[in-house]
Each structure stands twice: as structure tokens, then as C-alpha cells.
């Protein structure tokens, strides 16, 4: 899952003008990711639902599924 922050990212599919991203600090992104991880690990939430709602990655549309690599 990806939460973009201001220092290095272009706008995402769900924030095309970058308004949210430009105001998100590293600490805020880390805090949010830790909280979301806790919800997933505890069973309170499912990864695909969280990814679909919170992720800035285009894979959010697929429930966070980025496929797999075969090295």
C-alpha cells in the first residue's frame, strides 16, 4: 500500500491536483500506515478494503493487488 507525501511524489489517481499529498508529512504517512497495519493484523479490517480506500497507488482499484514477480 502506498501513501504519498509531499517531498517526492507526483499527484496520484485519487488526488490529481496533489492537494492532499502536498500537505502530508512523512511522519503523518508513517503514522497512518502503522494504524492501518494494526487494523489489518488485528483482523478489524481486510487489506483489500483498506488498500482500496487509502492507497495512493493505482493498484488500489484492484484492492492493492500488484501481481507477482517471477525472478
Protein backbone atom coordinates (compact mmCIF):
# COMPACT_ATOMS: atom_id res chain seq x y z
CA UNK A 1 0.00 0.00 0.00
CA UNK A 2 1.24 3.48 -0.74
CA UNK A 3 0.53 6.79 0.94
CA UNK A 4 2.26 9.58 -0.88
CA UNK A 5 3.79 12.54 0.84
CA UNK A 6 4.95 15.96 -0.20
CA UNK A 7 8.70 15.68 -0.61
CA UNK A 8 8.93 13.29 -3.54
CA UNK A 9 5.63 12.41 -5.13
CA UNK A 10 3.58 13.48 -8.04
CA UNK A 11 -0.19 13.57 -7.66
CA UNK A 12 -1.96 10.23 -7.50
CA UNK A 13 -5.03 8.89 -9.28
CA UNK A 14 -7.23 9.90 -6.36
CA UNK A 15 -5.59 13.28 -5.71
CA UNK A 16 -4.86 14.59 -9.23
CA UNK A 17 -4.03 18.11 -8.12
CA UNK A 18 -1.80 16.90 -5.30
CA UNK A 19 -3.56 18.90 -2.61
CA UNK A 20 -3.59 16.12 -0.01
CA UNK A 21 -0.13 14.89 -0.93
CA UNK A 22 1.41 18.36 -0.66
CA UNK A 23 0.14 18.60 2.92
CA UNK A 24 1.13 15.09 4.04
CA UNK A 25 4.36 14.84 6.02
CA UNK A 26 6.49 11.73 6.33
CA UNK A 27 5.52 11.39 9.98
CA UNK A 28 1.82 11.62 9.13
CA UNK A 29 2.13 8.99 6.38
CA UNK A 30 4.07 6.61 8.66
CA UNK A 31 1.56 7.09 11.46
CA UNK A 32 -1.36 6.38 9.17
CA UNK A 33 0.30 3.29 7.70
CA UNK A 34 1.09 1.91 11.17
CA UNK A 35 -2.50 2.43 12.25
CA UNK A 36 -3.85 0.74 9.11
CA UNK A 37 -1.42 -2.16 9.57
CA UNK A 38 -2.58 -2.63 13.15
CA UNK A 39 -6.20 -2.80 11.96
CA UNK A 40 -5.29 -5.42 9.34
CA UNK A 41 -3.15 -7.56 11.68
CA UNK A 42 -5.78 -7.49 14.43
CA UNK A 43 -8.46 -8.64 11.98
CA UNK A 44 -10.52 -5.46 12.35
CA UNK A 45 -10.06 -4.71 8.65
CA UNK A 46 -9.18 -6.53 5.45
CA UNK A 47 -6.18 -5.47 3.40
CA UNK A 48 -8.10 -5.17 0.13
CA UNK A 49 -10.70 -2.88 1.69
CA UNK A 50 -8.05 -0.69 3.34
CA UNK A 51 -5.94 -0.55 0.17
CA UNK A 52 -8.95 0.36 -1.96
CA UNK A 53 -9.83 3.22 0.35
CA UNK A 54 -6.46 4.62 1.47
CA UNK A 55 -3.76 3.70 -1.05
CA UNK A 56 -2.45 6.30 -3.49
CA UNK A 57 -1.12 3.53 -5.73
CA UNK A 58 -3.14 2.74 -8.84
CA UNK A 59 -3.37 -0.86 -7.54
CA UNK A 60 -5.96 0.44 -5.05
CA UNK A 61 -8.53 -0.11 -7.77
CA UNK A 62 -7.66 -3.82 -7.55
CA UNK A 63 -7.70 -4.00 -3.75
CA UNK A 64 -3.96 -3.41 -3.56
CA UNK A 65 -3.11 -6.37 -5.79
CA UNK A 66 0.15 -5.58 -7.59
CA UNK A 67 0.54 -9.04 -9.08
CA UNK A 68 3.68 -11.07 -8.57
CA UNK A 69 7.21 -11.24 -9.89
CA UNK A 70 8.93 -14.29 -11.24
CA UNK A 71 12.65 -13.77 -11.00
